[in-house]
C-alpha atoms as a PDB file:
ATOM      1  CA  MET A   1     -37.328  22.409  -3.589  1.00  0.00           C
ATOM      2  CA  LYS A   2     -36.441  19.042  -2.020  1.00  0.00           C
ATOM      3  CA  THR A   3     -35.576  17.596  -5.429  1.00  0.00           C
ATOM      4  CA  ILE A   4     -33.040  20.408  -5.915  1.00  0.00           C
ATOM      5  CA  ILE A   5     -31.491  20.399  -2.424  1.00  0.00           C
ATOM      6  CA  LEU A   6     -30.777  16.643  -2.230  1.00  0.00           C
ATOM      7  CA  PRO A   7     -28.563  16.511  -5.345  1.00  0.00           C
ATOM      8  CA  LEU A   8     -26.694  19.575  -4.084  1.00  0.00           C
ATOM      9  CA  ILE A   9     -26.018  17.891  -0.731  1.00  0.00           C
ATOM     10  CA  LEU A  10     -24.818  14.716  -2.433  1.00  0.00           C
ATOM     11  CA  ALA A  11     -22.600  16.703  -4.786  1.00  0.00           C
ATOM     12  CA  ALA A  12     -21.064  18.623  -1.869  1.00  0.00           C
ATOM     13  CA  ALA A  13     -20.340  15.383   0.005  1.00  0.00           C
ATOM     14  CA  ALA A  14     -18.691  13.871  -3.061  1.00  0.00           C
ATOM     15  CA  PHE A  15     -16.605  17.006  -3.595  1.00  0.00           C
ATOM     16  CA  SER A  16     -15.289  16.945  -0.011  1.00  0.00           C
ATOM     17  CA  MET A  17     -14.107  13.331  -0.272  1.00  0.00           C
ATOM     18  CA  PRO A  18     -10.420  13.076  -1.232  1.00  0.00           C
ATOM     19  CA  SER A  19      -9.348  10.696  -3.950  1.00  0.00           C
ATOM     20  CA  ILE A  20      -7.630   7.482  -2.888  1.00  0.00           C
ATOM     21  CA  HIS A  21      -4.483   8.644  -4.681  1.00  0.00           C
ATOM     22  CA  ASP A  22      -4.493  11.835  -2.595  1.00  0.00           C
ATOM     23  CA  VAL A  23      -4.815   9.863   0.644  1.00  0.00           C
ATOM     24  CA  LEU A  24      -1.968   7.534  -0.336  1.00  0.00           C
ATOM     25  CA  LYS A  25       0.212  10.508  -1.300  1.00  0.00           C
ATOM     26  CA  LYS A  26      -0.456  12.196   2.058  1.00  0.00           C
ATOM     27  CA  MET A  27       0.531   8.962   3.823  1.00  0.00           C
ATOM     28  CA  GLU A  28       3.755   8.761   1.808  1.00  0.00           C
ATOM     29  CA  ASP A  29       4.635  12.332   2.724  1.00  0.00           C
ATOM     30  CA  ILE A  30       4.142  11.951   6.475  1.00  0.00           C
ATOM     31  CA  TYR A  31       6.028   8.624   6.633  1.00  0.00           C
ATOM     32  CA  LYS A  32       9.058   9.637   4.553  1.00  0.00           C
ATOM     33  CA  MET A  33      11.971  10.342   6.868  1.00  0.00           C
ATOM     34  CA  THR A  34      14.026  13.488   6.256  1.00  0.00           C
ATOM     35  CA  SER A  35      17.046  11.980   8.029  1.00  0.00           C
ATOM     36  CA  ASP A  36      18.724   8.600   8.290  1.00  0.00           C
ATOM     37  CA  ALA A  37      17.762   6.491  11.281  1.00  0.00           C
ATOM     38  CA  LYS A  38      19.003   3.621  13.403  1.00  0.00           C
ATOM     39  CA  ALA A  39      16.761   1.740  15.819  1.00  0.00           C
ATOM     40  CA  ARG A  40      16.191  -1.424  17.794  1.00  0.00           C
ATOM     41  CA  VAL A  41      13.318  -3.682  16.791  1.00  0.00           C
ATOM     42  CA  GLN A  42      11.775  -6.229  19.141  1.00  0.00           C
ATOM     43  CA  MET A  43       9.541  -8.745  17.438  1.00  0.00           C
ATOM     44  CA  THR A  44       7.344 -11.149  19.387  1.00  0.00           C
ATOM     45  CA  GLN A  45       6.029 -14.011  17.303  1.00  0.00           C
ATOM     46  CA  GLN A  46       3.264 -16.266  18.573  1.00  0.00           C
ATOM     47  CA  LYS A  47       2.470 -19.415  16.641  1.00  0.00           C
ATOM     48  CA  LYS A  48      -0.221 -21.912  17.447  1.00  0.00           C
ATOM     49  CA  ASP A  49       1.249 -25.066  18.994  1.00  0.00           C
ATOM     50  CA  GLU A  50       4.773 -23.535  18.890  1.00  0.00           C
ATOM     51  CA  GLY A  51       4.580 -20.960  21.660  1.00  0.00           C
ATOM     52  CA  VAL A  52       6.248 -17.552  21.676  1.00  0.00           C
ATOM     53  CA  LYS A  53       9.511 -16.599  19.979  1.00  0.00           C
ATOM     54  CA  ASN A  54      11.288 -13.280  20.591  1.00  0.00           C
ATOM     55  CA  PHE A  55      13.574 -11.553  18.117  1.00  0.00           C
ATOM     56  CA  ASP A  56      15.958  -8.620  18.637  1.00  0.00           C
ATOM     57  CA  ILE A  57      16.929  -6.758  15.492  1.00  0.00           C
ATOM     58  CA  LEU A  58      19.190  -3.839  14.587  1.00  0.00           C
ATOM     59  CA  TRP A  59      17.519  -1.709  11.898  1.00  0.00           C
ATOM     60  CA  TYR A  60      19.121   0.962   9.736  1.00  0.00           C
ATOM     61  CA  ARG A  61      16.968   3.104   7.422  1.00  0.00           C
ATOM     62  CA  ARG A  62      17.707   5.683   4.721  1.00  0.00           C
ATOM     63  CA  ASP A  63      14.738   6.910   2.703  1.00  0.00           C
ATOM     64  CA  ARG A  64      16.501   8.956   0.012  1.00  0.00           C
ATOM     65  CA  ASP A  65      17.324   5.764  -1.881  1.00  0.00           C
ATOM     66  CA  ASN A  66      14.741   3.543  -0.172  1.00  0.00           C
ATOM     67  CA  ALA A  67      17.413   1.593   1.708  1.00  0.00           C
ATOM     68  CA  PHE A  68      17.267  -0.406   4.898  1.00  0.00           C
ATOM     69  CA  LEU A  69      19.370  -3.040   6.593  1.00  0.00           C
ATOM     70  CA  MET A  70      18.247  -5.408   9.334  1.00  0.00           C
ATOM     71  CA  VAL A  71      20.347  -7.903  11.245  1.00  0.00           C
ATOM     72  CA  MET A  72      19.122 -10.324  13.912  1.00  0.00           C
ATOM     73  CA  THR A  73      20.893 -10.193  17.266  1.00  0.00           C
ATOM     74  CA  ALA A  74      18.662 -12.757  19.020  1.00  0.00           C
ATOM     75  CA  PRO A  75      17.621 -15.564  19.372  1.00  0.00           C
ATOM     76  CA  GLU A  76      20.875 -17.448  18.978  1.00  0.00           C
ATOM     77  CA  ASN A  77      19.681 -19.605  16.075  1.00  0.00           C
ATOM     78  CA  GLU A  78      18.746 -16.455  14.098  1.00  0.00           C
ATOM     79  CA  LYS A  79      21.714 -14.327  15.162  1.00  0.00           C
ATOM     80  CA  GLY A  80      23.541 -12.878  12.172  1.00  0.00           C
ATOM     81  CA  ASN A  81      20.727 -13.463   9.684  1.00  0.00           C
ATOM     82  CA  GLY A  82      19.638 -10.292   7.970  1.00  0.00           C
ATOM     83  CA  TYR A  83      17.936  -8.381   5.194  1.00  0.00           C
ATOM     84  CA  LEU A  84      19.240  -5.639   2.914  1.00  0.00           C
ATOM     85  CA  ARG A  85      17.248  -3.400   0.599  1.00  0.00           C
ATOM     86  CA  VAL A  86      18.619  -0.701  -1.722  1.00  0.00           C
ATOM     87  CA  ASP A  87      16.335   0.834  -4.351  1.00  0.00           C
ATOM     88  CA  ASP A  88      14.561  -2.101  -6.026  1.00  0.00           C
ATOM     89  CA  ASN A  89      16.937  -4.794  -4.779  1.00  0.00           C
ATOM     90  CA  PHE A  90      16.081  -6.819  -1.675  1.00  0.00           C
ATOM     91  CA  TRP A  91      18.313  -9.575  -0.345  1.00  0.00           C
ATOM     92  CA  MET A  92      17.995 -12.083   2.490  1.00  0.00           C
ATOM     93  CA  TYR A  93      21.275 -13.170   4.126  1.00  0.00           C
ATOM     94  CA  ARG A  94      21.780 -16.453   5.980  1.00  0.00           C
ATOM     95  CA  ARG A  95      24.783 -16.639   8.292  1.00  0.00           C
ATOM     96  CA  ASN A  96      25.137 -20.441   8.363  1.00  0.00           C
ATOM     97  CA  THR A  97      25.588 -20.659   4.585  1.00  0.00           C
ATOM     98  CA  ARG A  98      27.019 -17.136   4.097  1.00  0.00           C
ATOM     99  CA  THR A  99      24.732 -16.673   1.109  1.00  0.00           C
ATOM    100  CA  PHE A 100      22.525 -13.865  -0.187  1.00  0.00           C
ATOM    101  CA  GLN A 101      19.212 -14.647  -1.836  1.00  0.00           C
ATOM    102  CA  HIS A 102      17.313 -12.104  -3.904  1.00  0.00           C
ATOM    103  CA  VAL A 103      13.739 -11.933  -2.536  1.00  0.00           C
ATOM    104  CA  ASN A 104      10.621  -9.782  -2.879  1.00  0.00           C
ATOM    105  CA  ARG A 105       9.377  -7.140  -0.447  1.00  0.00           C
ATOM    106  CA  ASP A 106       6.668  -9.587   0.630  1.00  0.00           C
ATOM    107  CA  GLU A 107       9.353 -11.798   2.222  1.00  0.00           C
ATOM    108  CA  SER A 108       8.406 -12.879   5.745  1.00  0.00           C
ATOM    109  CA  ILE A 109      10.886 -11.562   8.326  1.00  0.00           C
ATOM    110  CA  GLY A 110      12.216 -14.457  10.394  1.00  0.00           C
ATOM    111  CA  GLY A 111       9.187 -16.551   9.491  1.00  0.00           C
ATOM    112  CA  SER A 112       6.887 -14.091  11.278  1.00  0.00           C
ATOM    113  CA  ASP A 113       3.745 -12.286  10.098  1.00  0.00           C
ATOM    114  CA  ALA A 114       5.801  -9.136   9.418  1.00  0.00           C
ATOM    115  CA  HIS A 115       7.200  -8.610   5.917  1.00  0.00           C
ATOM    116  CA  GLY A 116       9.979  -6.627   4.307  1.00  0.00           C
ATOM    117  CA  GLU A 117       7.443  -4.083   3.072  1.00  0.00           C
ATOM    118  CA  ASP A 118       6.586  -3.221   6.687  1.00  0.00           C
ATOM    119  CA  PHE A 119      10.096  -1.872   7.332  1.00  0.00           C
ATOM    120  CA  GLU A 120      10.596   0.289   4.250  1.00  0.00           C
ATOM    121  CA  ASN A 121       9.341   3.703   3.228  1.00  0.00           C
ATOM    122  CA  ARG A 122       6.228   2.527   1.424  1.00  0.00           C
ATOM    123  CA  LYS A 123       5.803   4.207  -1.968  1.00  0.00           C
ATOM    124  CA  LEU A 124       2.096   3.509  -1.931  1.00  0.00           C
ATOM    125  CA  THR A 125       1.229   5.445  -5.088  1.00  0.00           C
ATOM    126  CA  GLU A 126       3.724   3.339  -7.057  1.00  0.00           C
ATOM    127  CA  MET A 127       2.548   0.047  -5.590  1.00  0.00           C
ATOM    128  CA  TYR A 128      -1.244   0.437  -5.482  1.00  0.00           C
ATOM    129  CA  THR A 129      -4.153   2.054  -7.252  1.00  0.00           C
ATOM    130  CA  ALA A 130      -7.745   2.714  -6.236  1.00  0.00           C
ATOM    131  CA  ALA A 131     -10.252  -0.133  -6.305  1.00  0.00           C
ATOM    132  CA  LYS A 132     -13.760   0.614  -7.559  1.00  0.00           C
ATOM    133  CA  ASP A 133     -17.072  -0.143  -5.895  1.00  0.00           C
ATOM    134  CA  SER A 134     -20.141  -1.642  -7.570  1.00  0.00           C
ATOM    135  CA  SER A 135     -21.151   1.747  -8.977  1.00  0.00           C
ATOM    136  CA  GLY A 136     -17.765   2.294 -10.597  1.00  0.00           C
ATOM    137  CA  SER A 137     -16.705   4.956  -8.090  1.00  0.00           C
ATOM    138  CA  GLU A 138     -13.527   4.822  -6.012  1.00  0.00           C
ATOM    139  CA  ALA A 139     -13.951   2.560  -2.972  1.00  0.00           C
ATOM    140  CA  ILE A 140     -13.509   5.202  -0.266  1.00  0.00           C
ATOM    141  CA  SER A 141     -15.892   6.275   2.488  1.00  0.00           C
ATOM    142  CA  GLU A 142     -15.945   8.212   5.749  1.00  0.00           C
ATOM    143  CA  GLU A 143     -16.436   5.976   8.783  1.00  0.00           C
ATOM    144  CA  MET A 144     -15.652   5.728  12.483  1.00  0.00           C
ATOM    145  CA  LEU A 145     -13.088   3.292  13.831  1.00  0.00           C
ATOM    146  CA  GLY A 146     -14.119   3.238  17.454  1.00  0.00           C
ATOM    147  CA  LYS A 147     -14.282   6.955  18.285  1.00  0.00           C
ATOM    148  CA  ILE A 148     -11.839   8.044  15.583  1.00  0.00           C
ATOM    149  CA  PRO A 149     -13.038   9.507  12.238  1.00  0.00           C
ATOM    150  CA  VAL A 150     -11.334   7.620   9.410  1.00  0.00           C
ATOM    151  CA  TYR A 151     -11.315   7.133   5.685  1.00  0.00           C
ATOM    152  CA  LYS A 152     -11.928   3.512   4.770  1.00  0.00           C
ATOM    153  CA  LEU A 153     -10.421   2.766   1.381  1.00  0.00           C
ATOM    154  CA  GLU A 154      -9.718  -0.222  -0.813  1.00  0.00           C
ATOM    155  CA  ILE A 155      -6.655  -0.469  -3.021  1.00  0.00           C
ATOM    156  CA  LYS A 156      -5.224  -3.058  -5.400  1.00  0.00           C
ATOM    157  CA  GLY A 157      -1.622  -3.824  -6.270  1.00  0.00           C
ATOM    158  CA  ILE A 158      -0.131  -2.694  -9.568  1.00  0.00           C
ATOM    159  CA  VAL A 159       3.291  -4.344  -9.091  1.00  0.00           C
ATOM    160  CA  ASN A 160       4.044  -8.020  -8.563  1.00  0.00           C
ATOM    161  CA  ASP A 161       5.919  -7.859  -5.252  1.00  0.00           C
ATOM    162  CA  VAL A 162       3.333  -6.240  -2.991  1.00  0.00           C
ATOM    163  CA  ASP A 163       2.521  -8.132   0.190  1.00  0.00           C
ATOM    164  CA  TYR A 164      -1.040  -8.772  -0.948  1.00  0.00           C
ATOM    165  CA  PRO A 165      -2.941  -7.823  -4.136  1.00  0.00           C
ATOM    166  CA  LYS A 166      -5.839  -6.256  -2.235  1.00  0.00           C
ATOM    167  CA  GLN A 167      -5.740  -4.056   0.882  1.00  0.00           C
ATOM    168  CA  ILE A 168      -8.459  -2.312   2.863  1.00  0.00           C
ATOM    169  CA  MET A 169      -7.169   0.544   5.015  1.00  0.00           C
ATOM    170  CA  TRP A 170      -8.611   2.639   7.814  1.00  0.00           C
ATOM    171  CA  VAL A 171      -6.773   5.986   7.783  1.00  0.00           C
ATOM    172  CA  ARG A 172      -7.288   8.864  10.217  1.00  0.00           C
ATOM    173  CA  ARG A 173      -9.000  11.853   8.613  1.00  0.00           C
ATOM    174  CA  ASP A 174      -7.105  14.446  10.666  1.00  0.00           C
ATOM    175  CA  ASN A 175      -3.481  13.396  10.071  1.00  0.00           C
ATOM    176  CA  PHE A 176      -3.624  10.508   7.561  1.00  0.00           C
ATOM    177  CA  LEU A 177      -2.048   7.922   9.876  1.00  0.00           C
ATOM    178  CA  MET A 178      -3.096   4.368   9.155  1.00  0.00           C
ATOM    179  CA  LEU A 179      -4.761   2.599  12.086  1.00  0.00           C
ATOM    180  CA  LYS A 180      -5.853  -0.714  10.588  1.00  0.00           C
ATOM    181  CA  GLU A 181      -5.248  -2.719   7.441  1.00  0.00           C
ATOM    182  CA  GLU A 182      -6.828  -5.887   6.076  1.00  0.00           C
ATOM    183  CA  SER A 183      -4.897  -7.865   3.486  1.00  0.00           C
ATOM    184  CA  TYR A 184      -6.529 -10.188   0.947  1.00  0.00           C
ATOM    185  CA  SER A 185      -5.304 -12.819  -1.484  1.00  0.00           C
ATOM    186  CA  SER A 186      -6.110 -12.807  -5.205  1.00  0.00           C
ATOM    187  CA  SER A 187      -9.060 -15.097  -4.400  1.00  0.00           C
ATOM    188  CA  ASN A 188     -10.386 -12.424  -1.996  1.00  0.00           C
ATOM    189  CA  THR A 189      -9.563 -14.423   1.139  1.00  0.00           C
ATOM    190  CA  LEU A 190      -8.699 -12.361   4.215  1.00  0.00           C
ATOM    191  CA  MET A 191      -5.102 -13.323   5.012  1.00  0.00           C
ATOM    192  CA  GLN A 192      -3.946 -10.802   7.620  1.00  0.00           C
ATOM    193  CA  THR A 193      -5.197  -7.949   9.778  1.00  0.00           C
ATOM    194  CA  ALA A 194      -2.682  -5.351  10.946  1.00  0.00           C
ATOM    195  CA  TYR A 195      -3.128  -2.746  13.683  1.00  0.00           C
ATOM    196  CA  PHE A 196      -0.878   0.320  13.894  1.00  0.00           C
ATOM    197  CA  ILE A 197      -1.015   1.037  17.600  1.00  0.00           C
ATOM    198  CA  ASN A 198       1.517   3.744  18.459  1.00  0.00           C
ATOM    199  CA  TYR A 199       3.328   6.383  16.421  1.00  0.00           C
ATOM    200  CA  THR A 200       6.181   8.725  17.256  1.00  0.00           C
ATOM    201  CA  GLN A 201       7.112  11.912  15.437  1.00  0.00           C
ATOM    202  CA  ILE A 202      10.680  12.503  14.244  1.00  0.00           C
ATOM    203  CA  ASP A 203      11.637  15.717  12.446  1.00  0.00           C
ATOM    204  CA  GLY A 204       8.032  16.284  11.433  1.00  0.00           C
ATOM    205  CA  ARG A 205       7.562  12.737  10.097  1.00  0.00           C
ATOM    206  CA  TYR A 206       5.797   9.757  11.657  1.00  0.00           C
ATOM    207  CA  VAL A 207       7.150   6.311  12.475  1.00  0.00           C
ATOM    208  CA  CYS A 208       4.855   3.566  13.747  1.00  0.00           C
ATOM    209  CA  VAL A 209       6.625   2.189  16.815  1.00  0.00           C
ATOM    210  CA  LYS A 210       4.123  -0.547  17.700  1.00  0.00           C
ATOM    211  CA  GLN A 211       2.314  -2.771  15.239  1.00  0.00           C
ATOM    212  CA  MET A 212       0.415  -6.014  15.529  1.00  0.00           C
ATOM    213  CA  PHE A 213      -0.057  -8.467  12.657  1.00  0.00           C
ATOM    214  CA  ILE A 214      -2.726 -11.136  13.023  1.00  0.00           C
ATOM    215  CA  ASP A 215      -2.655 -14.171  10.744  1.00  0.00           C
ATOM    216  CA  GLU A 216      -6.255 -14.709   9.599  1.00  0.00           C
ATOM    217  CA  PHE A 217      -5.408 -17.831   7.582  1.00  0.00           C
ATOM    218  CA  GLU A 218      -3.510 -19.739  10.276  1.00  0.00           C
ATOM    219  CA  LYS A 219      -5.661 -18.839  13.257  1.00  0.00           C
ATOM    220  CA  GLY A 220      -3.762 -18.331  16.497  1.00  0.00           C
ATOM    221  CA  ASN A 221      -0.663 -16.822  14.864  1.00  0.00           C
ATOM    222  CA  LYS A 222       0.299 -13.198  15.416  1.00  0.00           C
ATOM    223  CA  THR A 223       3.363 -10.957  15.525  1.00  0.00           C
ATOM    224  CA  ILE A 224       3.936  -7.778  17.547  1.00  0.00           C
ATOM    225  CA  VAL A 225       6.646  -5.384  16.332  1.00  0.00           C
ATOM    226  CA  GLU A 226       8.007  -2.655  18.628  1.00  0.00           C
ATOM    227  CA  ILE A 227      10.623  -0.075  17.608  1.00  0.00           C
ATOM    228  CA  SER A 228      12.717   1.779  20.199  1.00  0.00           C
ATOM    229  CA  ASN A 229      15.984   3.682  20.664  1.00  0.00           C
ATOM    230  CA  ILE A 230      15.511   5.584  17.418  1.00  0.00           C
ATOM    231  CA  ALA A 231      18.539   7.740  16.618  1.00  0.00           C
ATOM    232  CA  THR A 232      18.568  10.123  13.677  1.00  0.00           C
ATOM    233  CA  GLN A 233      22.049  10.516  12.304  1.00  0.00           C
ATOM    234  CA  GLU A 234      23.694  10.405   8.917  1.00  0.00           C
ATOM    235  CA  LEU A 235      24.654   6.826   8.160  1.00  0.00           C
ATOM    236  CA  ASP A 236      27.742   5.819   6.246  1.00  0.00           C
ATOM    237  CA  ASP A 237      27.080   4.517   2.730  1.00  0.00           C
ATOM    238  CA  LYS A 238      28.979   1.322   3.575  1.00  0.00           C
ATOM    239  CA  ILE A 239      26.188   0.292   5.985  1.00  0.00           C
ATOM    240  CA  PHE A 240      23.833  -0.439   3.099  1.00  0.00           C
ATOM    241  CA  THR A 241      26.063  -3.024   1.467  1.00  0.00           C
ATOM    242  CA  LYS A 242      26.329  -6.795   1.436  1.00  0.00           C
ATOM    243  CA  ALA A 243      29.859  -6.563   2.829  1.00  0.00           C
ATOM    244  CA  TYR A 244      28.682  -4.639   5.901  1.00  0.00           C
ATOM    245  CA  LEU A 245      25.847  -7.082   6.627  1.00  0.00           C
ATOM    246  CA  GLU A 246      28.232 -10.005   6.206  1.00  0.00           C
ATOM    247  CA  ASN A 247      30.700  -8.380   8.608  1.00  0.00           C
ATOM    248  CA  LEU A 248      27.965  -7.755  11.218  1.00  0.00           C
ATOM    249  CA  SER A 249      27.073 -11.417  11.057  1.00  0.00           C
ATOM    250  CA  LYS A 250      30.524 -12.705  11.998  1.00  0.00           C
END
């Protein structure tokens, strides 16, 4: 009897485990905004031997065409610099030279540990696929992160401009919100650990309003990102243009 029951228990456990693709799709669905949004971003960057640097940023977001615009309002030496993304195009703008440079979504924002990918609607199923464990099965398991039941899953990039080619995520089992993420280089070196600390709900979707990024390569460096004053309103198409960002920077 024991030899029959054990395989049945193992089969039931395997059946109840979602696929990594399903988890990523759930995350996409709960993060995708149903309305346009405007917000203020405060970014606190701490670098070893350089002290603390504070950024204020205006952030505009429209998920229907995967667009966002960010412009720095402080500190003075960064004021007017910005970033613009529409569909698959991502530009960095520098006020002092009045030039746009085409960059990837892994571009560091203001030299911090936050990247362009952290401010967009992340199409995870288009950017990543499931990694496999030593047995050839998908690398997903049920664990506890502190007192919270989570799925721990490993994914690998399938496009060139992901932040990192390998990610390990800890995702809540009850609502599929990500709580922690480890990012690895192609040589399997841990480069960054991110914590998703607070979320707010807007029109049935979730926005992470406090994140912390810890640089694991340059020890002592970290960035805290806080989002506030979120307003959901239809945004004019002209906002997501180079001309608008250039005008804001004057």
